[in-house]
Amino acid sequence: MLAEEQGIRDGSDNNYLRQRLNENEFILQKYNNEVLTAREIHYVTPAIEWLIDNFYLVEEHILLARRHFPKSYSKELPSFTEGPYAGLPRIYGIAVEYISHVDARIDEESLQTFF
């Protein structure tokens, strides 16, 4: 449905996925450094605790993404021609819509229902 509503073309004019990876890595590293160097942490949520304990996994996956997806990868993917995801890879729009649809609670059942 998303593709029908917004149109699809071969390739993309930008390297959005790679740019987002770089931006997200910067934000996550900055946040992790700030949390680790804070003198006092008044309240630690389970999500913060998980990120502190598992940041090495996040870094590892960022490196894997860089290694396995060449800089031009986004330009090879089909992209939307109009709508809120115009110019962006179709898979990005699908992923955003799915995550929004399931309130970021990803599991096999919701994946099968969504697709």
PDB file of N, CA and C in Angstrom:
ATOM      1  N   MET A   1       0.808  -1.198   0.000  1.00  0.00           N
ATOM      2  CA  MET A   1       0.000   0.000   0.000  1.00  0.00           C
ATOM      3  C   MET A   1       0.854   1.266   0.000  1.00  0.00           C
ATOM      4  N   LEU A   2       1.896   1.276   0.823  1.00  0.00           N
ATOM      5  CA  LEU A   2       2.757   2.446   0.932  1.00  0.00           C
ATOM      6  C   LEU A   2       3.339   2.802  -0.430  1.00  0.00           C
ATOM      7  N   ALA A   3       3.804   1.802  -1.161  1.00  0.00           N
ATOM      8  CA  ALA A   3       4.390   2.034  -2.477  1.00  0.00           C
ATOM      9  C   ALA A   3       3.352   2.557  -3.463  1.00  0.00           C
ATOM     10  N   GLU A   4       2.130   2.058  -3.376  1.00  0.00           N
ATOM     11  CA  GLU A   4       1.071   2.521  -4.268  1.00  0.00           C
ATOM     12  C   GLU A   4       0.721   3.976  -4.005  1.00  0.00           C
ATOM     13  N   GLU A   5       0.712   4.364  -2.743  1.00  0.00           N
ATOM     14  CA  GLU A   5       0.344   5.728  -2.367  1.00  0.00           C
ATOM     15  C   GLU A   5       1.437   6.741  -2.698  1.00  0.00           C
ATOM     16  N   GLN A   6       2.687   6.331  -2.634  1.00  0.00           N
ATOM     17  CA  GLN A   6       3.772   7.295  -2.751  1.00  0.00           C
ATOM     18  C   GLN A   6       4.631   7.116  -3.995  1.00  0.00           C
ATOM     19  N   GLY A   7       4.394   6.107  -4.789  1.00  0.00           N
ATOM     20  CA  GLY A   7       5.159   5.890  -6.008  1.00  0.00           C
ATOM     21  C   GLY A   7       6.578   5.421  -5.729  1.00  0.00           C
ATOM     22  N   ILE A   8       7.101   4.620  -6.644  1.00  0.00           N
ATOM     23  CA  ILE A   8       8.436   4.051  -6.476  1.00  0.00           C
ATOM     24  C   ILE A   8       9.233   4.275  -7.755  1.00  0.00           C
ATOM     25  N   ARG A   9      10.520   4.490  -7.570  1.00  0.00           N
ATOM     26  CA  ARG A   9      11.445   4.539  -8.704  1.00  0.00           C
ATOM     27  C   ARG A   9      12.713   3.779  -8.332  1.00  0.00           C
ATOM     28  N   ASP A  10      13.479   3.433  -9.342  1.00  0.00           N
ATOM     29  CA  ASP A  10      14.747   2.741  -9.090  1.00  0.00           C
ATOM     30  C   ASP A  10      15.763   3.730  -8.569  1.00  0.00           C
ATOM     31  N   GLY A  11      16.452   3.348  -7.521  1.00  0.00           N
ATOM     32  CA  GLY A  11      17.540   4.170  -6.991  1.00  0.00           C
ATOM     33  C   GLY A  11      17.086   5.402  -6.238  1.00  0.00           C
ATOM     34  N   SER A  12      18.044   6.028  -5.598  1.00  0.00           N
ATOM     35  CA  SER A  12      17.809   7.222  -4.795  1.00  0.00           C
ATOM     36  C   SER A  12      18.906   8.229  -5.107  1.00  0.00           C
ATOM     37  N   ASP A  13      18.600   9.499  -4.956  1.00  0.00           N
ATOM     38  CA  ASP A  13      19.592  10.542  -5.227  1.00  0.00           C
ATOM     39  C   ASP A  13      20.489  10.823  -4.032  1.00  0.00           C
ATOM     40  N   ASN A  14      20.178  10.234  -2.911  1.00  0.00           N
ATOM     41  CA  ASN A  14      20.969  10.538  -1.712  1.00  0.00           C
ATOM     42  C   ASN A  14      21.486   9.270  -1.055  1.00  0.00           C
ATOM     43  N   ASN A  15      22.260   9.464  -0.042  1.00  0.00           N
ATOM     44  CA  ASN A  15      22.826   8.365   0.727  1.00  0.00           C
ATOM     45  C   ASN A  15      22.290   8.452   2.153  1.00  0.00           C
ATOM     46  N   TYR A  16      20.989   8.562   2.273  1.00  0.00           N
ATOM     47  CA  TYR A  16      20.321   8.840   3.536  1.00  0.00           C
ATOM     48  C   TYR A  16      20.618   7.823   4.623  1.00  0.00           C
ATOM     49  N   LEU A  17      20.589   6.545   4.283  1.00  0.00           N
ATOM     50  CA  LEU A  17      20.795   5.523   5.311  1.00  0.00           C
ATOM     51  C   LEU A  17      22.177   5.643   5.932  1.00  0.00           C
ATOM     52  N   ARG A  18      23.173   5.898   5.126  1.00  0.00           N
ATOM     53  CA  ARG A  18      24.545   6.062   5.630  1.00  0.00           C
ATOM     54  C   ARG A  18      24.647   7.326   6.486  1.00  0.00           C
ATOM     55  N   GLN A  19      24.001   8.405   6.047  1.00  0.00           N
ATOM     56  CA  GLN A  19      24.003   9.651   6.830  1.00  0.00           C
ATOM     57  C   GLN A  19      23.340   9.441   8.185  1.00  0.00           C
ATOM     58  N   ARG A  20      22.215   8.732   8.188  1.00  0.00           N
ATOM     59  CA  ARG A  20      21.518   8.460   9.453  1.00  0.00           C
ATOM     60  C   ARG A  20      22.373   7.605  10.376  1.00  0.00           C
ATOM     61  N   LEU A  21      23.073   6.646   9.815  1.00  0.00           N
ATOM     62  CA  LEU A  21      23.965   5.808  10.611  1.00  0.00           C
ATOM     63  C   LEU A  21      25.024   6.676  11.288  1.00  0.00           C
ATOM     64  N   ASN A  22      25.629   7.578  10.534  1.00  0.00           N
ATOM     65  CA  ASN A  22      26.651   8.468  11.097  1.00  0.00           C
ATOM     66  C   ASN A  22      26.071   9.372  12.184  1.00  0.00           C
ATOM     67  N   GLU A  23      24.903   9.954  11.926  1.00  0.00           N
ATOM     68  CA  GLU A  23      24.267  10.837  12.912  1.00  0.00           C
ATOM     69  C   GLU A  23      23.914  10.073  14.185  1.00  0.00           C
ATOM     70  N   ASN A  24      23.331   8.903  14.025  1.00  0.00           N
ATOM     71  CA  ASN A  24      22.934   8.110  15.190  1.00  0.00           C
ATOM     72  C   ASN A  24      24.142   7.649  15.992  1.00  0.00           C
ATOM     73  N   GLU A  25      25.214   7.283  15.299  1.00  0.00           N
ATOM     74  CA  GLU A  25      26.428   6.882  16.008  1.00  0.00           C
ATOM     75  C   GLU A  25      26.956   8.036  16.841  1.00  0.00           C
ATOM     76  N   PHE A  26      26.989   9.234  16.274  1.00  0.00           N
ATOM     77  CA  PHE A  26      27.478  10.403  17.005  1.00  0.00           C
ATOM     78  C   PHE A  26      26.633  10.662  18.245  1.00  0.00           C
ATOM     79  N   ILE A  27      25.331  10.631  18.095  1.00  0.00           N
ATOM     80  CA  ILE A  27      24.421  10.887  19.219  1.00  0.00           C
ATOM     81  C   ILE A  27      24.583   9.825  20.300  1.00  0.00           C
ATOM     82  N   LEU A  28      24.635   8.566  19.909  1.00  0.00           N
ATOM     83  CA  LEU A  28      24.771   7.483  20.889  1.00  0.00           C
ATOM     84  C   LEU A  28      26.103   7.545  21.625  1.00  0.00           C
ATOM     85  N   GLN A  29      27.186   7.827  20.903  1.00  0.00           N
ATOM     86  CA  GLN A  29      28.495   7.920  21.562  1.00  0.00           C
ATOM     87  C   GLN A  29      28.531   9.103  22.527  1.00  0.00           C
ATOM     88  N   LYS A  30      27.980  10.217  22.111  1.00  0.00           N
ATOM     89  CA  LYS A  30      27.955  11.403  22.981  1.00  0.00           C
ATOM     90  C   LYS A  30      27.143  11.110  24.243  1.00  0.00           C
ATOM     91  N   TYR A  31      25.972  10.517  24.075  1.00  0.00           N
ATOM     92  CA  TYR A  31      25.124  10.197  25.223  1.00  0.00           C
ATOM     93  C   TYR A  31      25.824   9.209  26.149  1.00  0.00           C
ATOM     94  N   ASN A  32      26.407   8.167  25.585  1.00  0.00           N
ATOM     95  CA  ASN A  32      27.091   7.158  26.395  1.00  0.00           C
ATOM     96  C   ASN A  32      28.235   7.787  27.189  1.00  0.00           C
ATOM     97  N   ASN A  33      29.015   8.641  26.549  1.00  0.00           N
ATOM     98  CA  ASN A  33      30.116   9.318  27.243  1.00  0.00           C
ATOM     99  C   ASN A  33      29.610  10.216  28.366  1.00  0.00           C
ATOM    100  N   GLU A  34      28.512  10.930  28.115  1.00  0.00           N
ATOM    101  CA  GLU A  34      27.955  11.810  29.146  1.00  0.00           C
ATOM    102  C   GLU A  34      27.447  11.015  30.338  1.00  0.00           C
ATOM    103  N   VAL A  35      26.802   9.896  30.089  1.00  0.00           N
ATOM    104  CA  VAL A  35      26.277   9.063  31.178  1.00  0.00           C
ATOM    105  C   VAL A  35      27.433   8.468  31.981  1.00  0.00           C
ATOM    106  N   LEU A  36      28.459   8.003  31.279  1.00  0.00           N
ATOM    107  CA  LEU A  36      29.586   7.368  31.972  1.00  0.00           C
ATOM    108  C   LEU A  36      30.416   8.357  32.776  1.00  0.00           C
ATOM    109  N   THR A  37      30.438   9.629  32.371  1.00  0.00           N
ATOM    110  CA  THR A  37      31.243  10.619  33.083  1.00  0.00           C
ATOM    111  C   THR A  37      30.429  11.459  34.067  1.00  0.00           C
ATOM    112  N   ALA A  38      29.144  11.208  34.144  1.00  0.00           N
ATOM    113  CA  ALA A  38      28.307  11.968  35.080  1.00  0.00           C
ATOM    114  C   ALA A  38      28.694  11.630  36.511  1.00  0.00           C
ATOM    115  N   ARG A  39      28.796  12.663  37.341  1.00  0.00           N
ATOM    116  CA  ARG A  39      29.150  12.443  38.751  1.00  0.00           C
ATOM    117  C   ARG A  39      28.010  11.779  39.510  1.00  0.00           C
ATOM    118  N   GLU A  40      26.800  12.187  39.190  1.00  0.00           N
ATOM    119  CA  GLU A  40      25.633  11.616  39.849  1.00  0.00           C
ATOM    120  C   GLU A  40      24.572  11.296  38.818  1.00  0.00           C
ATOM    121  N   ILE A  41      24.008  10.150  38.947  1.00  0.00           N
ATOM    122  CA  ILE A  41      22.854   9.799  38.125  1.00  0.00           C
ATOM    123  C   ILE A  41      21.719   9.551  39.111  1.00  0.00           C
ATOM    124  N   HIS A  42      20.706  10.395  39.033  1.00  0.00           N
ATOM    125  CA  HIS A  42      19.618  10.329  40.008  1.00  0.00           C
ATOM    126  C   HIS A  42      18.676   9.159  39.762  1.00  0.00           C
ATOM    127  N   TYR A  43      18.438   8.863  38.494  1.00  0.00           N
ATOM    128  CA  TYR A  43      17.497   7.797  38.191  1.00  0.00           C
ATOM    129  C   TYR A  43      17.940   7.120  36.902  1.00  0.00           C
ATOM    130  N   VAL A  44      18.102   5.828  36.949  1.00  0.00           N
ATOM    131  CA  VAL A  44      18.514   5.066  35.774  1.00  0.00           C
ATOM    132  C   VAL A  44      17.355   4.173  35.345  1.00  0.00           C
ATOM    133  N   THR A  45      16.851   4.437  34.167  1.00  0.00           N
ATOM    134  CA  THR A  45      15.773   3.607  33.630  1.00  0.00           C
ATOM    135  C   THR A  45      16.366   2.299  33.112  1.00  0.00           C
ATOM    136  N   PRO A  46      15.536   1.284  32.932  1.00  0.00           N
ATOM    137  CA  PRO A  46      16.045   0.032  32.359  1.00  0.00           C
ATOM    138  C   PRO A  46      16.704   0.238  30.981  1.00  0.00           C
ATOM    139  N   ALA A  47      16.167   1.153  30.189  1.00  0.00           N
ATOM    140  CA  ALA A  47      16.744   1.413  28.864  1.00  0.00           C
ATOM    141  C   ALA A  47      18.140   2.018  28.979  1.00  0.00           C
ATOM    142  N   ILE A  48      18.324   2.953  29.908  1.00  0.00           N
ATOM    143  CA  ILE A  48      19.645   3.556  30.119  1.00  0.00           C
ATOM    144  C   ILE A  48      20.622   2.495  30.612  1.00  0.00           C
ATOM    145  N   GLU A  49      20.175   1.681  31.547  1.00  0.00           N
ATOM    146  CA  GLU A  49      21.039   0.631  32.073  1.00  0.00           C
ATOM    147  C   GLU A  49      21.447  -0.339  30.972  1.00  0.00           C
ATOM    148  N   TRP A  50      20.481  -0.706  30.121  1.00  0.00           N
ATOM    149  CA  TRP A  50      20.795  -1.618  29.019  1.00  0.00           C
ATOM    150  C   TRP A  50      21.833  -0.995  28.094  1.00  0.00           C
ATOM    151  N   LEU A  51      21.658   0.280  27.757  1.00  0.00           N
ATOM    152  CA  LEU A  51      22.588   0.945  26.847  1.00  0.00           C
ATOM    153  C   LEU A  51      23.989   1.023  27.443  1.00  0.00           C
ATOM    154  N   ILE A  52      24.073   1.337  28.712  1.00  0.00           N
ATOM    155  CA  ILE A  52      25.382   1.390  29.378  1.00  0.00           C
ATOM    156  C   ILE A  52      26.050   0.018  29.346  1.00  0.00           C
ATOM    157  N   ASP A  53      25.295  -1.010  29.686  1.00  0.00           N
ATOM    158  CA  ASP A  53      25.856  -2.360  29.753  1.00  0.00           C
ATOM    159  C   ASP A  53      26.165  -2.954  28.387  1.00  0.00           C
ATOM    160  N   ASN A  54      25.430  -2.538  27.371  1.00  0.00           N
ATOM    161  CA  ASN A  54      25.547  -3.186  26.060  1.00  0.00           C
ATOM    162  C   ASN A  54      25.996  -2.259  24.942  1.00  0.00           C
ATOM    163  N   PHE A  55      26.591  -1.138  25.297  1.00  0.00           N
ATOM    164  CA  PHE A  55      26.987  -0.193  24.265  1.00  0.00           C
ATOM    165  C   PHE A  55      27.959  -0.813  23.268  1.00  0.00           C
ATOM    166  N   TYR A  56      28.770  -1.721  23.740  1.00  0.00           N
ATOM    167  CA  TYR A  56      29.722  -2.388  22.840  1.00  0.00           C
ATOM    168  C   TYR A  56      28.990  -3.125  21.716  1.00  0.00           C
ATOM    169  N   LEU A  57      27.786  -3.654  21.993  1.00  0.00           N
ATOM    170  CA  LEU A  57      26.990  -4.324  20.957  1.00  0.00           C
ATOM    171  C   LEU A  57      26.504  -3.328  19.911  1.00  0.00           C
ATOM    172  N   VAL A  58      26.087  -2.153  20.368  1.00  0.00           N
ATOM    173  CA  VAL A  58      25.641  -1.108  19.447  1.00  0.00           C
ATOM    174  C   VAL A  58      26.796  -0.707  18.536  1.00  0.00           C
ATOM    175  N   GLU A  59      27.961  -0.478  19.126  1.00  0.00           N
ATOM    176  CA  GLU A  59      29.138  -0.106  18.330  1.00  0.00           C
ATOM    177  C   GLU A  59      29.489  -1.201  17.317  1.00  0.00           C
ATOM    178  N   GLU A  60      29.408  -2.435  17.748  1.00  0.00           N
ATOM    179  CA  GLU A  60      29.717  -3.563  16.864  1.00  0.00           C
ATOM    180  C   GLU A  60      28.776  -3.598  15.662  1.00  0.00           C
ATOM    181  N   HIS A  61      27.495  -3.348  15.900  1.00  0.00           N
ATOM    182  CA  HIS A  61      26.523  -3.366  14.806  1.00  0.00           C
ATOM    183  C   HIS A  61      26.705  -2.173  13.869  1.00  0.00           C
ATOM    184  N   ILE A  62      27.118  -1.054  14.385  1.00  0.00           N
ATOM    185  CA  ILE A  62      27.420   0.096  13.525  1.00  0.00           C
ATOM    186  C   ILE A  62      28.592  -0.250  12.606  1.00  0.00           C
ATOM    187  N   LEU A  63      29.627  -0.865  13.159  1.00  0.00           N
ATOM    188  CA  LEU A  63      30.774  -1.279  12.339  1.00  0.00           C
ATOM    189  C   LEU A  63      30.366  -2.318  11.297  1.00  0.00           C
ATOM    190  N   LEU A  64      29.520  -3.254  11.682  1.00  0.00           N
ATOM    191  CA  LEU A  64      29.043  -4.254  10.722  1.00  0.00           C
ATOM    192  C   LEU A  64      28.258  -3.608   9.587  1.00  0.00           C
ATOM    193  N   ALA A  65      27.409  -2.653   9.924  1.00  0.00           N
ATOM    194  CA  ALA A  65      26.635  -1.951   8.892  1.00  0.00           C
ATOM    195  C   ALA A  65      27.563  -1.236   7.922  1.00  0.00           C
ATOM    196  N   ARG A  66      28.575  -0.586   8.439  1.00  0.00           N
ATOM    197  CA  ARG A  66      29.531   0.105   7.561  1.00  0.00           C
ATOM    198  C   ARG A  66      30.278  -0.877   6.667  1.00  0.00           C
ATOM    199  N   ARG A  67      30.644  -2.001   7.227  1.00  0.00           N
ATOM    200  CA  ARG A  67      31.429  -2.980   6.478  1.00  0.00           C
ATOM    201  C   ARG A  67      30.604  -3.644   5.379  1.00  0.00           C
ATOM    202  N   HIS A  68      29.350  -3.962   5.668  1.00  0.00           N
ATOM    203  CA  HIS A  68      28.541  -4.744   4.736  1.00  0.00           C
ATOM    204  C   HIS A  68      27.697  -3.916   3.772  1.00  0.00           C
ATOM    205  N   PHE A  69      27.554  -2.634   4.036  1.00  0.00           N
ATOM    206  CA  PHE A  69      26.779  -1.782   3.140  1.00  0.00           C
ATOM    207  C   PHE A  69      27.664  -0.677   2.597  1.00  0.00           C
ATOM    208  N   PRO A  70      28.067  -0.799   1.329  1.00  0.00           N
ATOM    209  CA  PRO A  70      28.942   0.226   0.759  1.00  0.00           C
ATOM    210  C   PRO A  70      28.266   1.594   0.751  1.00  0.00           C
ATOM    211  N   LYS A  71      29.075   2.638   0.617  1.00  0.00           N
ATOM    212  CA  LYS A  71      28.556   4.003   0.659  1.00  0.00           C
ATOM    213  C   LYS A  71      27.453   4.239  -0.372  1.00  0.00           C
ATOM    214  N   SER A  72      27.501   3.569  -1.467  1.00  0.00           N
ATOM    215  CA  SER A  72      26.512   3.791  -2.526  1.00  0.00           C
ATOM    216  C   SER A  72      25.275   2.898  -2.392  1.00  0.00           C
ATOM    217  N   TYR A  73      25.200   2.119  -1.328  1.00  0.00           N
ATOM    218  CA  TYR A  73      24.108   1.155  -1.175  1.00  0.00           C
ATOM    219  C   TYR A  73      22.737   1.805  -1.258  1.00  0.00           C
ATOM    220  N   SER A  74      22.533   2.917  -0.583  1.00  0.00           N
ATOM    221  CA  SER A  74      21.230   3.588  -0.594  1.00  0.00           C
ATOM    222  C   SER A  74      20.816   3.984  -1.999  1.00  0.00           C
ATOM    223  N   LYS A  75      21.782   4.332  -2.810  1.00  0.00           N
ATOM    224  CA  LYS A  75      21.486   4.783  -4.168  1.00  0.00           C
ATOM    225  C   LYS A  75      21.014   3.644  -5.069  1.00  0.00           C
ATOM    226  N   GLU A  76      21.231   2.414  -4.650  1.00  0.00           N
ATOM    227  CA  GLU A  76      20.816   1.256  -5.426  1.00  0.00           C
ATOM    228  C   GLU A  76      19.402   0.791  -5.056  1.00  0.00           C
ATOM    229  N   LEU A  77      18.890   1.241  -3.935  1.00  0.00           N
ATOM    230  CA  LEU A  77      17.585   0.785  -3.446  1.00  0.00           C
ATOM    231  C   LEU A  77      16.445   1.552  -4.103  1.00  0.00           C
ATOM    232  N   PRO A  78      15.304   0.886  -4.330  1.00  0.00           N
ATOM    233  CA  PRO A  78      14.131   1.608  -4.819  1.00  0.00           C
ATOM    234  C   PRO A  78      13.750   2.691  -3.817  1.00  0.00           C
ATOM    235  N   SER A  79      13.301   3.830  -4.308  1.00  0.00           N
ATOM    236  CA  SER A  79      12.952   4.932  -3.414  1.00  0.00           C
ATOM    237  C   SER A  79      11.563   5.472  -3.745  1.00  0.00           C
ATOM    238  N   PHE A  80      10.982   6.167  -2.782  1.00  0.00           N
ATOM    239  CA  PHE A  80       9.679   6.784  -2.972  1.00  0.00           C
ATOM    240  C   PHE A  80       9.820   8.045  -3.812  1.00  0.00           C
ATOM    241  N   THR A  81       8.805   8.322  -4.625  1.00  0.00           N
ATOM    242  CA  THR A  81       8.833   9.515  -5.474  1.00  0.00           C
ATOM    243  C   THR A  81       8.035  10.677  -4.891  1.00  0.00           C
ATOM    244  N   GLU A  82       7.146  10.397  -3.955  1.00  0.00           N
ATOM    245  CA  GLU A  82       6.347  11.467  -3.345  1.00  0.00           C
ATOM    246  C   GLU A  82       5.959  11.094  -1.927  1.00  0.00           C
ATOM    247  N   GLY A  83       5.334  12.001  -1.229  1.00  0.00           N
ATOM    248  CA  GLY A  83       4.913  11.752   0.146  1.00  0.00           C
ATOM    249  C   GLY A  83       6.010  12.069   1.144  1.00  0.00           C
ATOM    250  N   PRO A  84       5.793  11.714   2.418  1.00  0.00           N
ATOM    251  CA  PRO A  84       6.756  12.066   3.473  1.00  0.00           C
ATOM    252  C   PRO A  84       8.115  11.391   3.316  1.00  0.00           C
ATOM    253  N   TYR A  85       8.177  10.317   2.539  1.00  0.00           N
ATOM    254  CA  TYR A  85       9.447   9.615   2.354  1.00  0.00           C
ATOM    255  C   TYR A  85      10.032   9.841   0.960  1.00  0.00           C
ATOM    256  N   ALA A  86       9.581  10.864   0.268  1.00  0.00           N
ATOM    257  CA  ALA A  86      10.049  11.143  -1.095  1.00  0.00           C
ATOM    258  C   ALA A  86      11.575  11.222  -1.137  1.00  0.00           C
ATOM    259  N   GLY A  87      12.153  10.476  -2.077  1.00  0.00           N
ATOM    260  CA  GLY A  87      13.600  10.463  -2.243  1.00  0.00           C
ATOM    261  C   GLY A  87      14.324   9.497  -1.329  1.00  0.00           C
ATOM    262  N   LEU A  88      13.609   8.931  -0.379  1.00  0.00           N
ATOM    263  CA  LEU A  88      14.228   8.003   0.580  1.00  0.00           C
ATOM    264  C   LEU A  88      14.019   6.557   0.131  1.00  0.00           C
ATOM    265  N   PRO A  89      14.906   5.665   0.534  1.00  0.00           N
ATOM    266  CA  PRO A  89      14.734   4.255   0.176  1.00  0.00           C
ATOM    267  C   PRO A  89      13.416   3.699   0.709  1.00  0.00           C
ATOM    268  N   ARG A  90      12.778   2.884  -0.117  1.00  0.00           N
ATOM    269  CA  ARG A  90      11.488   2.296   0.245  1.00  0.00           C
ATOM    270  C   ARG A  90      11.584   1.526   1.560  1.00  0.00           C
ATOM    271  N   ILE A  91      12.679   0.804   1.768  1.00  0.00           N
ATOM    272  CA  ILE A  91      12.823   0.000   2.984  1.00  0.00           C
ATOM    273  C   ILE A  91      12.821   0.883   4.235  1.00  0.00           C
ATOM    274  N   TYR A  92      13.346   2.096   4.122  1.00  0.00           N
ATOM    275  CA  TYR A  92      13.348   3.001   5.266  1.00  0.00           C
ATOM    276  C   TYR A  92      11.910   3.374   5.634  1.00  0.00           C
ATOM    277  N   GLY A  93      11.113   3.737   4.659  1.00  0.00           N
ATOM    278  CA  GLY A  93       9.716   4.084   4.919  1.00  0.00           C
ATOM    279  C   GLY A  93       8.941   2.923   5.506  1.00  0.00           C
ATOM    280  N   ILE A  94       9.174   1.734   4.966  1.00  0.00           N
ATOM    281  CA  ILE A  94       8.504   0.543   5.476  1.00  0.00           C
ATOM    282  C   ILE A  94       8.897   0.292   6.935  1.00  0.00           C
ATOM    283  N   ALA A  95      10.187   0.401   7.227  1.00  0.00           N
ATOM    284  CA  ALA A  95      10.654   0.169   8.604  1.00  0.00           C
ATOM    285  C   ALA A  95      10.065   1.186   9.575  1.00  0.00           C
ATOM    286  N   VAL A  96      10.048   2.455   9.183  1.00  0.00           N
ATOM    287  CA  VAL A  96       9.480   3.495  10.058  1.00  0.00           C
ATOM    288  C   VAL A  96       8.002   3.233  10.301  1.00  0.00           C
ATOM    289  N   GLU A  97       7.268   2.905   9.253  1.00  0.00           N
ATOM    290  CA  GLU A  97       5.833   2.638   9.404  1.00  0.00           C
ATOM    291  C   GLU A  97       5.590   1.414  10.292  1.00  0.00           C
ATOM    292  N   TYR A  98       6.390   0.378  10.105  1.00  0.00           N
ATOM    293  CA  TYR A  98       6.234  -0.826  10.930  1.00  0.00           C
ATOM    294  C   TYR A  98       6.502  -0.521  12.400  1.00  0.00           C
ATOM    295  N   ILE A  99       7.611   0.143  12.681  1.00  0.00           N
ATOM    296  CA  ILE A  99       7.968   0.455  14.066  1.00  0.00           C
ATOM    297  C   ILE A  99       6.895   1.331  14.710  1.00  0.00           C
ATOM    298  N   SER A 100       6.358   2.283  13.947  1.00  0.00           N
ATOM    299  CA  SER A 100       5.274   3.132  14.462  1.00  0.00           C
ATOM    300  C   SER A 100       4.019   2.313  14.720  1.00  0.00           C
ATOM    301  N   HIS A 101       3.732   1.393  13.824  1.00  0.00           N
ATOM    302  CA  HIS A 101       2.521   0.583  13.912  1.00  0.00           C
ATOM    303  C   HIS A 101       2.515  -0.319  15.143  1.00  0.00           C
ATOM    304  N   VAL A 102       3.678  -0.829  15.523  1.00  0.00           N
ATOM    305  CA  VAL A 102       3.755  -1.768  16.654  1.00  0.00           C
ATOM    306  C   VAL A 102       4.314  -1.107  17.913  1.00  0.00           C
ATOM    307  N   ASP A 103       4.375   0.228  17.917  1.00  0.00           N
ATOM    308  CA  ASP A 103       4.899   0.973  19.073  1.00  0.00           C
ATOM    309  C   ASP A 103       6.279   0.469  19.490  1.00  0.00           C
ATOM    310  N   ALA A 104       7.116   0.155  18.486  1.00  0.00           N
ATOM    311  CA  ALA A 104       8.505  -0.284  18.687  1.00  0.00           C
ATOM    312  C   ALA A 104       8.611  -1.616  19.424  1.00  0.00           C
ATOM    313  N   ARG A 105       7.536  -2.374  19.470  1.00  0.00           N
ATOM    314  CA  ARG A 105       7.569  -3.711  20.084  1.00  0.00           C
ATOM    315  C   ARG A 105       7.636  -4.739  18.960  1.00  0.00           C
ATOM    316  N   ILE A 106       8.834  -5.065  18.573  1.00  0.00           N
ATOM    317  CA  ILE A 106       9.063  -5.903  17.405  1.00  0.00           C
ATOM    318  C   ILE A 106       9.107  -7.372  17.807  1.00  0.00           C
ATOM    319  N   ASP A 107       8.291  -8.169  17.143  1.00  0.00           N
ATOM    320  CA  ASP A 107       8.312  -9.609  17.357  1.00  0.00           C
ATOM    321  C   ASP A 107       7.843 -10.299  16.073  1.00  0.00           C
ATOM    322  N   GLU A 108       7.976 -11.591  16.037  1.00  0.00           N
ATOM    323  CA  GLU A 108       7.654 -12.353  14.829  1.00  0.00           C
ATOM    324  C   GLU A 108       6.185 -12.206  14.434  1.00  0.00           C
ATOM    325  N   GLU A 109       5.309 -12.260  15.406  1.00  0.00           N
ATOM    326  CA  GLU A 109       3.867 -12.177  15.117  1.00  0.00           C
ATOM    327  C   GLU A 109       3.491 -10.833  14.500  1.00  0.00           C
ATOM    328  N   SER A 110       4.017  -9.751  15.070  1.00  0.00           N
ATOM    329  CA  SER A 110       3.675  -8.437  14.513  1.00  0.00           C
ATOM    330  C   SER A 110       4.291  -8.243  13.132  1.00  0.00           C
ATOM    331  N   LEU A 111       5.448  -8.824  12.887  1.00  0.00           N
ATOM    332  CA  LEU A 111       6.062  -8.756  11.553  1.00  0.00           C
ATOM    333  C   LEU A 111       5.168  -9.478  10.529  1.00  0.00           C
ATOM    334  N   GLN A 112       4.697 -10.655  10.884  1.00  0.00           N
ATOM    335  CA  GLN A 112       3.845 -11.407   9.966  1.00  0.00           C
ATOM    336  C   GLN A 112       2.532 -10.690   9.713  1.00  0.00           C
ATOM    337  N   THR A 113       1.967 -10.077  10.728  1.00  0.00           N
ATOM    338  CA  THR A 113       0.715  -9.348  10.586  1.00  0.00           C
ATOM    339  C   THR A 113       0.894  -8.113   9.726  1.00  0.00           C
ATOM    340  N   PHE A 114       1.976  -7.402   9.939  1.00  0.00           N
ATOM    341  CA  PHE A 114       2.231  -6.149   9.206  1.00  0.00           C
ATOM    342  C   PHE A 114       2.478  -6.407   7.733  1.00  0.00           C
ATOM    343  N   PHE A 115       3.241  -7.452   7.440  1.00  0.00           N
ATOM    344  CA  PHE A 115       3.582  -7.726   6.048  1.00  0.00           C
ATOM    345  C   PHE A 115       2.645  -8.745   5.458  1.00  0.00           C
TER     346      PHE A 115
END
